[in-house]
Protein backbone atom coordinates (compact mmCIF):
# COMPACT_ATOMS: atom_id res chain seq x y z
CA MET A 1 -0.04 -0.02 0.01
CA LYS A 2 1.24 3.51 -0.93
CA MET A 3 0.03 6.77 0.53
CA LYS A 4 0.67 10.10 -0.96
CA PRO A 5 3.29 11.51 -0.69
CA GLN A 6 4.63 8.11 0.38
CA TRP A 7 6.10 9.17 3.68
CA VAL A 8 5.10 5.74 5.18
CA VAL A 9 4.86 2.22 3.70
CA MET A 10 3.02 -0.94 5.03
CA ASP A 11 4.87 -4.21 5.39
CA LYS A 12 2.67 -6.76 3.73
CA ALA A 13 4.05 -9.71 5.74
CA THR A 14 3.50 -8.11 9.18
CA LYS A 15 0.80 -5.58 8.09
CA THR A 16 2.50 -2.84 9.99
CA PHE A 17 3.51 0.79 8.96
CA GLN A 18 7.02 1.85 8.71
CA ARG A 19 8.83 5.06 7.76
CA ASN A 20 9.89 5.25 4.20
CA THR A 21 13.69 5.50 4.09
CA ASP A 22 13.82 6.12 0.40
CA ALA A 23 16.29 8.97 -0.24
CA ALA A 24 13.93 10.78 -2.63
CA VAL A 25 11.00 10.52 -0.23
CA VAL A 26 13.24 11.76 2.60
CA ALA A 27 14.35 14.70 0.65
CA ALA A 28 10.71 15.54 -0.19
CA VAL A 29 9.80 15.45 3.48
CA GLU A 30 12.60 17.66 4.43
CA ARG A 31 11.55 20.05 1.59
CA ASP A 32 7.79 20.17 2.70
CA GLU A 33 6.20 21.63 -0.46
CA VAL A 34 2.87 22.37 1.35
CA LYS A 35 4.70 24.56 3.89
CA GLN A 36 6.53 26.38 1.13
CA GLN A 37 3.25 27.01 -0.74
CA LEU A 38 1.57 28.33 2.28
CA GLN A 39 4.49 30.66 2.91
CA GLN A 40 4.21 31.92 -0.69
CA ILE A 41 0.66 32.72 -0.05
CA ALA A 42 1.43 34.51 3.16
CA GLY A 43 4.06 36.53 1.41
CA GLY A 44 1.57 37.74 -1.20
CA LYS A 45 2.77 35.44 -4.07
CA ALA A 46 -0.41 33.36 -4.49
CA ASP A 47 -0.44 34.15 -8.22
CA ALA A 48 2.64 31.92 -8.46
CA LEU A 49 0.83 28.81 -7.53
CA SER A 50 -0.87 26.67 -10.09
CA ALA A 51 -4.63 26.19 -10.19
CA GLY A 52 -4.10 22.54 -9.15
CA ASP A 53 -2.01 23.54 -6.06
CA ILE A 54 -4.75 26.07 -5.05
CA LYS A 55 -7.45 23.48 -5.45
CA GLU A 56 -5.57 20.87 -3.39
CA LEU A 57 -4.93 23.39 -0.58
CA SER A 58 -8.54 24.46 -0.63
CA LYS A 59 -9.64 20.81 -0.57
CA ARG A 60 -7.49 20.23 2.56
CA LYS A 61 -9.02 23.39 4.09
CA LEU A 62 -5.57 25.01 4.33
CA LEU A 63 -6.69 27.80 2.09
CA SER A 64 -9.92 29.99 1.74
CA LYS A 65 -10.75 32.76 -0.60
CA VAL A 66 -11.66 36.16 1.02
CA SER A 67 -12.84 39.23 -0.98
CA THR A 68 -11.92 42.67 0.32
CA LYS A 69 -13.58 45.98 -0.94
CA THR A 70 -11.89 49.13 -0.42
CA TYR A 71 -13.35 52.73 -1.01
CA GLY A 72 -11.65 56.05 -1.50
CA VAL A 73 -13.19 59.34 -0.24
CA SER A 74 -12.14 62.75 -1.60
CA LYS A 75 -13.40 66.33 -1.58
CA ALA A 76 -16.02 67.23 -4.30
CA ALA A 77 -16.89 70.67 -5.62
CA LYS A 78 -19.69 71.10 -3.00
CA PHE A 79 -17.65 69.90 -0.02
CA ARG A 80 -18.37 71.74 3.19
CA PRO A 81 -17.23 71.01 6.75
CA GLU A 82 -20.79 71.43 8.00
CA ARG A 83 -24.01 70.18 6.37
CA LYS A 84 -26.22 72.85 4.88
CA LYS A 85 -29.86 72.52 4.18
CA LEU A 86 -30.94 73.68 0.70
CA ALA A 87 -33.97 76.00 0.43
CA THR A 88 -37.09 74.43 -1.22
CA ASP A 89 -39.32 77.55 -1.36
CA LEU A 90 -39.02 81.12 -2.70
CA THR A 91 -40.47 83.22 0.18
CA PRO A 92 -41.79 86.79 0.11
CA GLU A 93 -39.05 87.60 2.60
CA MET A 94 -36.34 86.42 0.19
CA LEU A 95 -37.76 88.55 -2.55
CA ARG A 96 -38.01 91.58 -0.29
CA THR A 97 -34.40 91.38 1.06
CA ASP A 98 -32.76 89.88 -2.15
CA ALA A 99 -31.68 86.97 0.03
CA TRP A 100 -32.65 84.61 -2.89
CA LYS A 101 -29.52 85.82 -4.77
CA GLU A 102 -27.21 84.12 -2.09
CA GLU A 103 -29.50 81.21 -1.35
CA GLU A 104 -28.96 77.73 -2.73
CA PHE A 105 -32.13 76.04 -3.85
CA LYS A 106 -32.79 72.36 -4.01
CA GLU A 107 -33.38 71.16 -7.58
CA TYR A 108 -36.89 70.34 -8.50
CA ASN A 109 -37.83 67.04 -10.11
CA PHE A 110 -40.76 68.02 -12.37
CA ALA A 111 -41.13 64.31 -13.48
CA ALA A 112 -41.81 63.06 -9.85
CA LYS A 113 -45.39 62.22 -8.94
CA GLY A 114 -46.96 64.12 -6.19
CA GLN A 115 -48.64 62.80 -3.15
CA GLU A 116 -52.09 61.27 -3.99
CA LEU A 117 -54.95 63.40 -2.50
CA ASP A 118 -58.25 62.36 -1.41
CA VAL A 119 -60.10 64.69 -3.70
CA GLY A 120 -62.71 64.56 -6.49
CA CYS A 121 -65.84 64.76 -4.29
CA LEU A 122 -69.05 66.35 -5.60
CA HIS A 123 -69.65 69.98 -4.65
CA PRO A 124 -72.49 69.96 -2.00
CA LEU A 125 -74.70 71.87 -4.45
CA MET A 126 -74.06 69.41 -7.33
CA LYS A 127 -74.59 66.58 -4.90
CA VAL A 128 -78.07 67.79 -3.96
CA ARG A 129 -78.79 68.49 -7.73
CA THR A 130 -77.85 65.02 -8.64
CA GLN A 131 -80.08 63.65 -5.86
CA PHE A 132 -83.11 65.73 -6.91
CA ARG A 133 -82.56 64.79 -10.60
CA SER A 134 -82.53 61.11 -9.80
CA ILE A 135 -85.67 61.36 -7.79
CA LEU A 136 -87.58 63.34 -10.56
CA LEU A 137 -86.40 60.78 -13.17
CA GLU A 138 -87.64 57.91 -11.05
CA MET A 139 -91.05 59.66 -10.77
CA GLY A 140 -91.30 59.64 -14.57
CA PHE A 141 -90.31 63.22 -15.36
CA GLU A 142 -88.22 64.31 -18.36
CA GLU A 143 -85.53 66.98 -18.13
CA MET A 144 -86.29 70.20 -20.00
CA PRO A 145 -83.49 72.00 -21.89
CA THR A 146 -82.33 74.98 -19.72
CA ASN A 147 -79.07 75.98 -21.42
CA ASN A 148 -80.22 79.53 -22.28
CA PHE A 149 -79.50 81.83 -19.43
CA VAL A 150 -80.37 84.84 -21.57
CA GLU A 151 -84.08 85.02 -22.20
CA SER A 152 -86.52 87.46 -23.79
CA SER A 153 -88.96 89.36 -21.69
CA PHE A 154 -91.76 87.82 -23.87
CA TRP A 155 -91.00 84.23 -22.61
CA ASN A 156 -89.85 85.22 -19.14
CA PHE A 157 -92.88 87.60 -18.37
CA ASP A 158 -95.42 88.21 -21.00
CA SER A 159 -96.16 84.52 -21.97
CA LEU A 160 -96.67 84.17 -18.20
CA PHE A 161 -99.11 86.97 -18.01
CA GLN A 162 -96.98 89.17 -15.81
CA PRO A 163 -98.08 92.76 -16.65
CA GLN A 164 -95.33 95.06 -18.14
CA GLN A 165 -95.64 97.52 -15.31
CA HIS A 166 -95.08 94.85 -12.62
CA PRO A 167 -92.32 95.82 -10.22
CA ALA A 168 -90.47 92.45 -10.77
CA ARG A 169 -89.76 93.71 -14.27
CA ASP A 170 -87.93 96.85 -13.01
CA SER A 171 -84.22 97.10 -13.21
CA HIS A 172 -84.07 96.83 -9.44
CA ASP A 173 -85.19 93.22 -9.54
CA THR A 174 -84.00 92.01 -13.07
CA PHE A 175 -80.65 92.04 -14.99
CA PHE A 176 -81.19 93.66 -18.31
CA LEU A 177 -78.72 93.07 -21.26
CA VAL A 178 -77.08 95.99 -22.96
CA ASN A 179 -75.83 94.05 -25.93
CA PRO A 180 -77.79 92.71 -27.56
CA GLU A 181 -80.54 94.68 -25.93
CA LYS A 182 -83.39 93.12 -27.70
CA CYS A 183 -84.36 89.82 -29.22
CA GLY A 184 -85.56 89.22 -32.86
CA PRO A 185 -89.11 88.97 -33.84
CA ILE A 186 -91.39 86.47 -32.08
CA PRO A 187 -91.53 83.51 -34.33
CA ASP A 188 -95.19 82.82 -33.96
CA GLN A 189 -97.17 86.06 -34.75
CA GLU A 190 -100.54 84.46 -33.98
CA TYR A 191 -99.22 83.44 -30.55
CA GLN A 192 -97.94 86.84 -29.96
CA GLU A 193 -101.28 88.39 -30.76
CA ARG A 194 -103.07 85.97 -28.41
CA VAL A 195 -100.65 86.94 -25.57
CA ARG A 196 -101.19 90.75 -26.39
CA LYS A 197 -104.96 90.24 -26.26
CA GLN A 198 -104.91 88.47 -22.96
CA HIS A 199 -102.82 91.39 -21.47
CA GLU A 200 -105.04 94.08 -22.75
CA VAL A 201 -108.67 92.69 -22.82
CA GLY A 202 -108.39 89.15 -21.20
CA GLY A 203 -110.24 86.10 -22.01
CA TYR A 204 -111.40 82.79 -20.51
CA GLY A 205 -113.27 84.66 -17.82
CA SER A 206 -110.40 87.27 -17.24
CA ILE A 207 -110.70 90.97 -18.12
CA GLY A 208 -107.01 91.41 -18.53
CA TYR A 209 -104.88 94.22 -17.21
CA ARG A 210 -106.45 97.15 -19.27
CA TYR A 211 -103.25 98.61 -20.61
CA ASP A 212 -101.64 98.91 -24.02
CA TRP A 213 -99.18 96.03 -24.36
CA SER A 214 -95.83 97.00 -25.84
CA LEU A 215 -93.98 94.67 -28.26
CA ASP A 216 -90.76 96.81 -27.64
CA GLU A 217 -90.90 96.00 -23.92
CA ALA A 218 -91.53 92.31 -24.59
CA GLN A 219 -88.38 92.10 -26.78
CA LYS A 220 -85.88 93.24 -24.08
CA ASN A 221 -83.29 90.67 -23.31
CA ILE A 222 -82.71 89.72 -19.70
CA LEU A 223 -81.01 87.07 -17.49
CA ARG A 224 -83.82 84.82 -16.81
CA THR A 225 -85.43 85.32 -13.35
CA HIS A 226 -86.95 81.85 -13.16
CA THR A 227 -87.03 78.58 -15.05
CA THR A 228 -90.76 78.89 -15.62
CA ALA A 229 -89.78 80.77 -18.85
CA VAL A 230 -88.64 77.30 -19.98
CA SER A 231 -91.90 75.74 -18.92
CA ALA A 232 -93.84 78.32 -21.00
CA ARG A 233 -91.75 77.30 -24.04
CA MET A 234 -92.33 73.64 -23.44
CA LEU A 235 -96.11 74.13 -23.03
CA TYR A 236 -96.16 76.07 -26.28
CA LYS A 237 -94.20 73.22 -27.92
CA LEU A 238 -96.62 70.63 -26.56
CA ALA A 239 -99.76 72.42 -27.92
CA ASN A 240 -98.11 72.85 -31.33
CA GLN A 241 -96.34 69.57 -31.92
CA PRO A 242 -97.21 67.34 -34.83
CA GLY A 243 -99.89 64.91 -33.95
CA GLY A 244 -101.46 67.23 -31.37
CA PHE A 245 -101.20 67.35 -27.51
CA GLN A 246 -99.73 64.45 -25.57
CA PRO A 247 -99.47 64.17 -21.77
CA LYS A 248 -96.01 64.97 -20.47
CA LYS A 249 -94.06 65.36 -17.14
CA TYR A 250 -91.13 67.82 -17.26
CA PHE A 251 -88.59 68.99 -14.74
CA SER A 252 -85.59 71.32 -14.79
CA ILE A 253 -82.86 72.25 -12.17
CA ASP A 254 -80.75 75.10 -13.18
CA ARG A 255 -79.49 78.71 -12.48
CA VAL A 256 -81.70 81.83 -12.34
CA PHE A 257 -80.73 85.47 -11.71
CA ARG A 258 -82.19 88.20 -9.64
CA ASN A 259 -80.89 91.70 -9.02
CA GLU A 260 -81.14 91.20 -5.18
CA SER A 261 -79.47 92.82 -2.23
CA LEU A 262 -77.09 90.15 -0.96
CA ASP A 263 -77.70 88.86 2.53
CA SER A 264 -77.86 85.54 4.31
CA THR A 265 -81.08 84.41 2.49
CA HIS A 266 -80.62 86.23 -0.83
CA LEU A 267 -78.29 85.80 -3.69
CA ALA A 268 -78.06 87.35 -7.18
CA GLU A 269 -77.71 83.78 -8.66
CA PHE A 270 -79.25 80.55 -7.35
CA HIS A 271 -80.60 77.26 -8.49
CA GLN A 272 -84.36 76.63 -9.02
CA VAL A 273 -85.99 73.22 -9.08
CA GLU A 274 -89.15 73.15 -11.25
CA GLY A 275 -91.57 70.57 -12.55
CA LEU A 276 -94.76 70.48 -14.43
CA VAL A 277 -97.34 67.84 -15.35
CA ALA A 278 -99.51 68.30 -18.54
CA ASP A 279 -102.54 66.10 -18.91
CA ARG A 280 -106.35 66.18 -19.06
CA GLY A 281 -108.48 65.95 -16.02
CA LEU A 282 -105.93 67.00 -13.47
CA THR A 283 -106.97 68.49 -10.20
CA LEU A 284 -105.45 70.35 -7.19
CA GLY A 285 -105.29 66.98 -5.43
CA ASP A 286 -103.01 65.54 -8.05
CA LEU A 287 -100.65 68.58 -7.70
CA ILE A 288 -100.59 68.14 -3.90
CA GLY A 289 -99.93 64.40 -4.32
CA VAL A 290 -96.98 64.90 -6.72
CA ILE A 291 -95.48 67.60 -4.47
CA GLY A 292 -95.87 65.50 -1.42
CA THR A 293 -94.20 62.49 -3.09
CA PHE A 294 -91.24 64.57 -4.09
CA PHE A 295 -90.61 66.17 -0.74
CA LYS A 296 -91.09 62.84 1.10
CA ARG A 297 -88.23 61.38 -1.14
CA ILE A 298 -85.91 64.10 0.18
CA GLY A 299 -86.91 63.68 3.84
CA ILE A 300 -89.52 66.53 4.33
CA THR A 301 -92.83 64.83 5.48
CA ASP A 302 -94.57 67.56 7.26
CA LEU A 303 -96.07 69.88 4.62
CA ARG A 304 -98.60 72.72 4.65
CA PHE A 305 -100.02 74.57 1.68
CA LYS A 306 -101.13 78.20 1.84
CA PRO A 307 -103.15 80.00 -0.94
CA ALA A 308 -101.15 82.44 -2.91
CA PHE A 309 -101.16 84.51 -6.18
CA ASN A 310 -99.16 83.90 -9.38
CA PRO A 311 -100.06 85.57 -12.60
CA TYR A 312 -99.87 82.31 -14.62
CA THR A 313 -101.53 79.87 -12.09
CA GLU A 314 -104.92 79.81 -10.43
CA PRO A 315 -105.26 78.37 -7.88
CA SER A 316 -101.80 78.93 -6.45
CA MET A 317 -100.18 77.65 -3.37
CA GLU A 318 -97.13 78.31 -1.29
CA ILE A 319 -95.54 75.16 0.19
CA PHE A 320 -94.24 75.09 3.81
CA GLY A 321 -92.16 72.33 5.36
CA PHE A 322 -91.47 71.95 9.05
CA SER A 323 -87.77 72.03 10.04
CA LYS A 324 -86.96 69.99 13.05
CA ASP A 325 -83.51 71.63 13.25
CA LEU A 326 -85.04 75.22 13.35
CA ASN A 327 -88.25 74.12 15.07
CA LYS A 328 -90.45 76.15 12.74
CA TRP A 329 -92.29 76.08 9.47
CA ILE A 330 -90.32 77.52 6.47
CA GLU A 331 -91.40 78.28 2.93
CA ILE A 332 -89.79 75.71 0.62
CA GLY A 333 -91.72 76.23 -2.71
CA ASN A 334 -94.55 77.70 -4.88
CA SER A 335 -96.99 75.91 -7.05
CA GLY A 336 -100.30 76.10 -8.73
CA MET A 337 -102.53 74.99 -11.68
CA PHE A 338 -101.72 76.72 -15.01
CA ARG A 339 -104.31 79.18 -16.23
CA PRO A 340 -106.27 78.26 -19.33
CA GLU A 341 -104.41 81.03 -21.25
CA MET A 342 -101.19 79.16 -20.72
CA LEU A 343 -102.53 76.08 -22.51
């Protein structure tokens, strides 16, 4: 039996180990190549060893590989012995004292995404408008087109039989346009003549207002004071549509304008909710029922109706609702049955 590097041999007869006395082996033992290799590595001459020697030493756990990283630190252009905080905002004080000229500002990253904000909620007014619109659509109403804030006095007042000398038509209550000051001719001359006649001599049991109706006054352009002007247009359209009259339920929610003195309860611009039902055989009881259904849907259950006057409805009613927060009755609407002249 031979053992590398043959320092000992086994006697086959006695089966015992004895020192190898061969001159070449003795010389190799005295030379100790492993010791010499380790001394080379310790002296920084590991590159002189062959890959086989390194593998053999690693196998015998006499050698292990260690990686060492080193870093160099040197002064840069912006080196300072103390840390300085860069400015992020240009303040009025900097502009006033010219301190911004000496200040160092932090660079802005315009490509960076900002912090996500919890925004995008409906405006309270738009939220209420959306709620009312949904209720009226569920009740079977159709929305009227209300995108014309500028209206002629004819449709805003005259077609609703509001006399031309009425205080509401004065500049203290209504916004009149300067340019264009007046609208064009009324498209339906026959309808215009019927309106004029109702104002001057009346009809359907009315004696009119007994004054000379002025077309010039009726053509003045204004910012509409109520959305009932849109209702007047829709009633005219219903009466003159091909195929004759058909029952309809209309509503609108939009802005109106009044030349009001601003206070806690009055604005020059506000939103008006309006609805109309056009059909045959309707009674005041039907009107009260529709109004009650709508207000019940928005949480107002205690209602009262008080007789009132409107130039274009008879009978007319003011609507009052009881506020538990205020602990009193407050006016919340106006209503009535359209006069025959309107139809």
